[in-house]
Protein backbone atom coordinates (compact mmCIF):
# COMPACT_ATOMS: atom_id res chain seq x y z
CA MET A 1 -8.77 11.08 16.76
CA LEU A 2 -6.09 11.08 14.12
CA PRO A 3 -6.52 11.10 10.34
CA MET A 4 -5.46 8.21 8.14
CA ILE A 5 -4.24 9.27 4.73
CA PHE A 6 -4.30 7.26 1.50
CA LEU A 7 -2.68 9.01 -1.40
CA ALA A 8 -1.06 8.35 -4.73
CA CYS A 9 2.58 9.33 -5.02
CA PHE A 10 3.33 11.85 -7.68
CA GLY A 11 6.69 10.32 -8.69
CA ARG A 12 5.24 7.51 -10.81
CA ALA A 13 1.57 6.91 -11.54
CA ALA A 14 1.76 3.32 -10.31
CA ASP A 15 3.19 3.90 -6.81
CA PHE A 16 0.93 4.33 -3.79
CA GLU A 17 1.35 5.07 -0.09
CA ILE A 18 -0.79 4.44 2.96
CA THR A 19 0.32 6.41 6.02
CA SER A 20 -0.57 5.73 9.66
CA PRO A 21 -2.50 8.39 11.61
CA ASP A 22 0.65 9.50 13.46
CA ARG A 23 2.59 9.49 10.15
CA GLN A 24 5.22 7.15 11.63
CA ILE A 25 4.42 4.05 9.54
CA THR A 26 4.20 4.09 5.75
CA VAL A 27 3.26 1.20 3.48
CA ARG A 28 4.33 1.69 -0.12
CA VAL A 29 2.82 -0.36 -2.94
CA TYR A 30 4.60 -0.50 -6.30
CA LEU A 31 3.00 -1.63 -9.54
CA GLY A 32 5.26 -2.67 -12.38
CA GLU A 33 5.37 -6.02 -14.10
CA GLN A 34 4.24 -7.34 -10.71
CA VAL A 35 2.98 -5.97 -7.40
CA SER A 36 5.48 -5.35 -4.60
CA TRP A 37 5.32 -3.50 -1.29
CA SER A 38 7.52 -2.17 1.50
CA VAL A 39 7.07 -0.83 5.04
CA TYR A 40 8.86 2.11 6.65
CA ARG A 41 8.94 3.60 10.15
CA GLY A 42 10.08 7.15 9.58
CA GLN A 43 13.09 6.78 7.26
CA GLU A 44 13.92 3.26 8.50
CA CYS A 45 12.98 0.45 6.13
CA LEU A 46 11.30 -2.35 8.13
CA LEU A 47 10.41 -4.48 5.10
CA ALA A 48 12.36 -4.08 1.86
CA PRO A 49 10.34 -4.10 -1.37
CA SER A 50 8.85 -7.59 -1.56
CA ARG A 51 6.88 -9.21 -4.35
CA MET A 52 3.23 -9.92 -3.69
CA GLY A 53 1.23 -12.44 -5.69
CA MET A 54 -0.35 -15.85 -6.01
CA GLU A 55 0.29 -18.83 -8.21
CA LEU A 56 -2.70 -21.12 -8.64
CA SER A 57 -2.56 -24.84 -9.44
CA ASN A 58 -3.67 -24.24 -13.05
CA ASP A 59 -0.63 -21.93 -13.62
CA ARG A 60 -2.87 -18.86 -13.44
CA ARG A 61 -1.24 -15.87 -11.74
CA PRO A 62 -3.73 -13.21 -10.59
CA GLY A 63 -2.09 -9.81 -10.46
CA ALA A 64 0.47 -10.47 -13.21
CA SER A 65 0.93 -7.31 -15.29
CA PRO A 66 -1.33 -5.21 -13.00
CA GLN A 67 -2.98 -2.01 -14.19
CA VAL A 68 -4.49 0.80 -12.13
CA ARG A 69 -8.08 1.45 -13.18
CA THR A 70 -8.81 4.34 -10.84
CA THR A 71 -7.45 5.97 -7.67
CA ASN A 72 -8.79 8.25 -4.99
CA SER A 73 -7.34 10.12 -2.06
CA ARG A 74 -9.11 10.56 1.23
CA THR A 75 -8.57 11.30 4.87
CA VAL A 76 -10.34 9.18 7.46
CA ASP A 77 -11.01 10.70 10.87
CA GLN A 78 -12.33 7.72 12.79
CA GLN A 79 -11.51 5.98 16.02
CA ILE A 80 -12.16 2.26 16.46
CA ILE A 81 -12.54 1.13 20.07
CA PRO A 82 -12.26 -2.64 20.58
CA VAL A 83 -14.72 -4.43 22.82
CA VAL A 84 -12.82 -5.99 25.72
């Protein structure tokens, strides 16, 4: 069983990382005027920072000007075995 780590980056308060159990894959989420994210395998960028959001038919845009209310860090030591 390998741990999964979710932690806030210390560079800017609004950047977050989720790291795979083997620490090979990292998803980075950036909060600024909008939400964007990127994916890395080691140092190789698999998905460059890309904007994430929705635009509803009534011109409402959930997630515009996002704010972090709270964060937490934890390690998960759990194995999920699929039923085949």
